[in-house]
Protein backbone atom coordinates (compact mmCIF):
# COMPACT_ATOMS: atom_id res chain seq x y z
CA VAL A 1 -58.85 53.12 -25.84
CA ASP A 2 -58.14 51.31 -29.07
CA PHE A 3 -55.52 48.61 -29.58
CA THR A 4 -54.32 46.81 -32.67
CA ARG A 5 -54.51 43.04 -32.87
CA LYS A 6 -50.75 42.82 -32.28
CA GLN A 7 -50.99 45.02 -29.19
CA ILE A 8 -53.77 42.81 -27.82
CA ASP A 9 -51.63 39.74 -28.49
CA ASP A 10 -48.76 41.41 -26.63
CA LEU A 11 -51.08 42.20 -23.70
CA THR A 12 -52.27 38.58 -23.70
CA ALA A 13 -48.66 37.40 -23.50
CA HIS A 14 -48.02 39.93 -20.74
CA VAL A 15 -50.79 38.66 -18.44
CA ALA A 16 -49.74 35.06 -19.16
CA ARG A 17 -46.55 35.78 -17.20
CA TYR A 18 -48.74 36.19 -14.12
CA GLY A 19 -50.64 32.93 -14.56
CA ALA A 20 -53.57 34.07 -16.73
CA LYS A 21 -54.70 31.47 -19.27
CA GLY A 22 -55.95 34.07 -21.70
CA LEU A 23 -57.34 37.56 -22.13
CA VAL A 24 -60.84 38.32 -23.39
CA TRP A 25 -61.30 41.73 -24.97
CA MET A 26 -64.47 43.59 -25.87
CA ARG A 27 -64.65 46.84 -27.82
CA VAL A 28 -67.63 49.20 -27.82
CA LYS A 29 -68.21 50.51 -31.34
CA GLU A 30 -69.66 53.91 -32.22
CA ASN A 31 -73.19 52.47 -32.45
CA ASP A 32 -72.77 50.99 -28.92
CA GLU A 33 -72.46 47.50 -30.39
CA VAL A 34 -70.01 45.28 -28.51
CA GLU A 35 -67.33 43.60 -30.63
CA THR A 36 -65.31 40.73 -29.21
CA GLN A 37 -63.33 37.65 -30.22
CA VAL A 38 -65.68 35.49 -28.11
CA GLY A 39 -68.94 36.88 -29.44
CA LYS A 40 -70.28 33.45 -30.42
CA PHE A 41 -70.45 32.49 -26.73
CA PHE A 42 -72.67 35.45 -25.76
CA THR A 43 -76.04 36.79 -26.79
CA VAL A 44 -76.37 40.44 -27.74
CA ASP A 45 -78.24 41.10 -24.50
CA GLN A 46 -75.44 39.54 -22.45
CA LEU A 47 -72.80 41.62 -24.21
CA ASN A 48 -74.83 44.76 -23.68
CA ALA A 49 -75.30 43.85 -20.01
CA LEU A 50 -71.52 43.52 -19.58
CA ARG A 51 -71.02 46.87 -21.30
CA ASP A 52 -73.55 48.57 -19.05
CA ALA A 53 -72.27 46.86 -15.89
CA VAL A 54 -68.83 48.42 -16.27
CA GLY A 55 -70.10 51.73 -17.64
CA ALA A 56 -68.36 51.38 -21.01
CA SER A 57 -69.28 53.65 -23.90
CA ALA A 58 -68.30 54.13 -27.53
CA SER A 59 -64.53 53.62 -28.23
CA ASP A 60 -63.96 51.98 -24.83
CA MET A 61 -62.35 48.56 -24.46
CA MET A 62 -63.04 45.99 -21.77
CA PHE A 63 -60.72 43.20 -20.69
CA PHE A 64 -61.66 40.04 -18.77
CA ILE A 65 -59.58 37.29 -17.21
CA ALA A 66 -60.99 34.01 -15.89
CA GLY A 67 -59.16 32.24 -13.10
CA SER A 68 -58.71 32.05 -9.36
CA GLU A 69 -59.16 35.29 -7.48
CA LYS A 70 -55.44 35.62 -6.77
CA ILE A 71 -54.33 34.99 -10.37
CA ALA A 72 -57.07 37.15 -11.89
CA ALA A 73 -56.44 40.07 -9.51
CA THR A 74 -52.66 39.94 -10.00
CA ALA A 75 -52.87 39.64 -13.78
CA MET A 76 -55.47 42.41 -14.09
CA GLY A 77 -53.37 44.68 -11.89
CA GLN A 78 -50.36 44.12 -14.12
CA LEU A 79 -52.51 44.62 -17.23
CA ARG A 80 -53.69 47.95 -15.87
CA LEU A 81 -50.10 49.08 -15.31
CA GLU A 82 -48.99 47.90 -18.76
CA ILE A 83 -51.83 49.77 -20.48
CA ALA A 84 -50.90 52.88 -18.49
CA ARG A 85 -47.31 52.55 -19.74
CA ILE A 86 -48.42 52.08 -23.36
CA LYS A 87 -50.76 55.07 -23.21
CA GLY A 88 -48.25 57.28 -21.41
CA LEU A 89 -50.51 57.74 -18.41
CA MET A 90 -47.71 57.40 -15.87
CA ASN A 91 -46.09 60.65 -14.81
CA PRO A 92 -42.99 59.95 -12.69
CA SER A 93 -42.93 63.58 -11.53
CA VAL A 94 -46.23 63.02 -9.71
CA ARG A 95 -45.84 61.13 -6.45
CA GLU A 96 -48.94 59.38 -5.18
CA PHE A 97 -48.77 57.50 -1.88
CA VAL A 98 -51.35 55.04 -0.57
CA TRP A 99 -51.56 52.73 2.42
CA ILE A 100 -52.76 49.18 1.76
CA THR A 101 -54.11 47.71 4.99
CA GLU A 102 -55.96 44.70 6.40
CA PHE A 103 -54.39 42.04 4.21
CA PRO A 104 -55.85 38.54 4.42
CA MET A 105 -54.10 36.73 7.25
CA PHE A 106 -54.15 33.38 5.46
CA GLU A 107 -54.18 32.20 1.88
CA TYR A 108 -55.03 28.78 0.53
CA SER A 109 -52.17 26.92 -1.15
CA GLU A 110 -53.29 24.62 -3.95
CA THR A 111 -49.87 22.97 -3.80
CA GLU A 112 -49.96 22.27 -0.07
CA GLY A 113 -53.72 21.69 0.05
CA ARG A 114 -54.09 23.87 3.15
CA TYR A 115 -54.13 27.44 4.40
CA MET A 116 -50.80 29.15 4.96
CA SER A 117 -49.78 32.52 6.36
CA MET A 118 -49.95 35.23 3.71
CA HIS A 119 -47.23 37.28 5.43
CA HIS A 120 -45.81 35.19 8.28
CA PRO A 121 -47.27 33.34 11.28
CA PHE A 122 -46.37 36.11 13.74
CA THR A 123 -48.77 38.71 12.30
CA SER A 124 -51.66 39.60 14.56
CA PRO A 125 -55.25 39.29 13.29
CA MET A 126 -57.52 42.32 13.24
CA PRO A 127 -59.02 42.64 16.75
CA GLU A 128 -62.54 42.16 15.39
CA HIS A 129 -61.40 39.01 13.54
CA LEU A 130 -59.72 37.31 16.49
CA GLU A 131 -62.73 35.20 17.47
CA MET A 132 -63.30 34.34 13.81
CA MET A 133 -59.76 33.03 13.56
CA LEU A 134 -59.93 31.13 16.85
CA SER A 135 -63.10 29.42 15.60
CA GLY A 136 -61.21 28.18 12.53
CA ASN A 137 -62.55 30.56 9.86
CA LEU A 138 -59.29 31.33 8.05
CA LYS A 139 -60.76 32.39 4.72
CA ASP A 140 -62.28 35.65 5.97
CA CYS A 141 -59.70 36.56 8.61
CA ASN A 142 -57.73 39.75 8.00
CA ALA A 143 -54.42 40.73 9.56
CA GLN A 144 -52.98 43.88 11.04
CA ALA A 145 -50.55 44.07 8.13
CA TYR A 146 -49.87 47.08 5.94
CA ASP A 147 -47.85 48.26 2.96
CA LEU A 148 -46.94 51.76 1.86
CA VAL A 149 -47.15 52.12 -1.91
CA LEU A 150 -45.70 54.90 -4.05
CA ASN A 151 -46.88 55.19 -7.65
CA GLY A 152 -47.96 51.55 -7.62
CA VAL A 153 -44.69 50.26 -6.14
CA GLU A 154 -44.44 48.81 -2.65
CA ILE A 155 -41.76 50.80 -0.82
CA GLY A 156 -42.38 49.62 2.73
CA GLY A 157 -44.32 47.10 4.73
CA GLY A 158 -44.88 45.76 8.19
CA SER A 159 -47.39 44.49 10.70
CA VAL A 160 -48.54 44.45 14.28
CA ARG A 161 -47.21 41.27 15.86
CA ILE A 162 -48.93 38.72 18.07
CA HIS A 163 -47.97 39.27 21.71
CA LYS A 164 -50.21 36.74 23.48
CA PRO A 165 -48.88 33.17 23.84
CA ASP A 166 -52.29 31.49 23.48
CA VAL A 167 -53.01 33.34 20.22
CA GLN A 168 -49.55 32.60 18.82
CA GLU A 169 -49.85 28.92 19.69
CA LYS A 170 -53.33 28.79 18.12
CA VAL A 171 -51.99 30.24 14.87
CA PHE A 172 -49.31 27.57 14.72
CA ARG A 173 -51.93 24.88 15.29
CA LEU A 174 -54.20 26.33 12.59
CA LEU A 175 -51.28 26.13 10.18
CA GLY A 176 -50.98 22.41 10.77
CA LEU A 177 -48.30 22.17 13.46
CA ASN A 178 -49.05 19.79 16.30
CA GLU A 179 -48.22 20.51 19.93
CA GLU A 180 -44.88 18.72 19.76
CA GLN A 181 -43.83 20.56 16.59
CA VAL A 182 -44.80 23.92 18.08
CA LYS A 183 -42.76 23.18 21.20
CA GLU A 184 -39.76 21.93 19.21
CA LYS A 185 -39.64 24.75 16.67
CA PHE A 186 -41.11 27.73 18.51
CA GLY A 187 -41.32 26.72 22.16
CA PHE A 188 -38.79 29.33 23.27
CA PHE A 189 -40.72 32.00 21.39
CA VAL A 190 -44.15 31.17 22.80
CA ASP A 191 -42.74 30.74 26.33
CA ALA A 192 -41.10 34.18 26.18
CA PHE A 193 -44.51 35.79 25.79
CA LYS A 194 -45.59 34.29 29.12
CA PHE A 195 -43.25 36.71 30.86
CA GLY A 196 -45.17 39.62 29.42
CA ALA A 197 -44.84 41.37 26.06
CA PRO A 198 -46.49 44.66 25.08
CA PRO A 199 -48.32 45.05 21.78
CA HIS A 200 -45.66 45.77 19.20
CA GLY A 201 -45.25 46.21 15.47
CA GLY A 202 -43.08 47.85 12.90
CA LEU A 203 -42.51 49.09 9.38
CA ALA A 204 -39.50 48.49 7.14
CA PHE A 205 -38.64 50.53 4.07
CA GLY A 206 -36.60 49.45 1.06
CA LEU A 207 -34.56 52.62 0.77
CA ASP A 208 -33.14 51.70 -2.63
CA ARG A 209 -36.68 51.06 -3.93
CA VAL A 210 -37.88 54.39 -2.47
CA VAL A 211 -35.14 56.37 -4.21
CA ALA A 212 -35.51 54.50 -7.52
CA THR A 213 -39.28 55.05 -7.57
CA MET A 214 -38.99 58.73 -6.66
CA GLU A 215 -36.47 59.16 -9.48
CA GLY A 216 -38.78 57.41 -11.95
CA PHE A 217 -36.71 54.24 -12.43
CA GLU A 218 -38.21 50.75 -12.52
CA SER A 219 -34.96 48.99 -11.62
CA ILE A 220 -33.09 49.47 -8.35
CA ARG A 221 -29.81 48.44 -9.99
CA ASP A 222 -28.36 51.97 -9.91
CA PHE A 223 -29.48 52.61 -6.36
CA ILE A 224 -28.28 49.63 -4.35
CA ALA A 225 -25.03 49.71 -2.39
CA PHE A 226 -23.53 46.56 -3.92
CA PRO A 227 -25.04 46.03 -7.40
CA LYS A 228 -24.65 42.62 -8.99
CA ASN A 229 -23.76 41.95 -12.62
CA THR A 230 -25.41 39.42 -14.92
CA SER A 231 -23.44 36.56 -13.36
CA ALA A 232 -24.73 37.52 -9.87
CA SER A 233 -21.31 38.63 -8.65
CA SER A 234 -20.50 41.92 -6.96
CA PRO A 235 -17.62 43.81 -8.66
CA MET A 236 -17.29 46.18 -5.69
CA ASP A 237 -16.34 43.58 -3.10
CA GLN A 238 -15.44 40.69 -5.43
CA SER A 239 -18.07 38.34 -4.04
CA PRO A 240 -18.75 35.52 -4.15
CA SER A 241 -15.16 34.46 -3.65
CA GLU A 242 -13.26 31.30 -2.78
CA VAL A 243 -13.78 30.05 0.78
CA ASP A 244 -10.81 28.86 2.77
CA LEU A 245 -10.88 25.16 3.69
CA THR A 246 -10.31 26.01 7.34
CA GLN A 247 -13.42 28.17 7.37
CA LEU A 248 -15.49 25.29 6.01
CA GLN A 249 -14.08 22.91 8.60
CA ASP A 250 -15.03 25.31 11.38
CA ILE A 251 -18.71 24.97 10.42
CA HIS A 252 -18.48 21.28 9.46
CA ILE A 253 -19.03 21.64 5.73
CA SER A 254 -17.26 19.40 3.25
CA LEU A 255 -17.19 19.89 -0.51
CA ASN A 256 -17.00 17.36 -3.29
CA LEU A 257 -16.76 19.57 -6.36
CA PRO A 258 -15.57 18.51 -9.81
CA LYS A 259 -12.03 19.61 -10.57
CA LYS A 260 -11.69 22.55 -12.91
């Protein structure tokens, strides 16, 4: 792999869209010497160690991103796909499926300053991680959640749901809801489980995404039933449209819009 300086700059801008603060590149020259824009921060032995650690050889390039695990993993994944596009490594006629399973059940929100559900609070933990979760270890707890991916595109996803009221209530409490809040917001839901609920789960496909991916298109615009134009309106059914005042009154909504 060999990229021009402009291509590297474009790749750096590309990963910045996914939260990366920068992109470090290293190129292995014909004499196995490692060339990089950050060479002054490394010794020759350190550069060689990085080269050997990833198994790089002459004419190979290495890319590094520093950041949180989530940002680095997302940005590197997108970088990998972008390089594949540039190098023509993607063959839309080849269809490769893969199941992604055992997602983390919780993820830490820097904004909220606490753990939150990665998928939603009704996803069941892996059976072997139940005690871990009940003990309060949210970082290492994985969920019975899964995605089906086609050629790198998620085309379906789902999970096995919690069906035990004590487990469901514990999840709510771990997410910061007190007993009163759980009862007020989800009391009917937790109580329903007390009457008996079998283990249950499901999988939902995005049919338009499936067809678009199988046809080699990145956009689903030509495959959705009611495509929107650039102003977010639907030419097929003329929506959004004016709402009758009587309809608004029925649901107790009043408008105070500027006159046209």
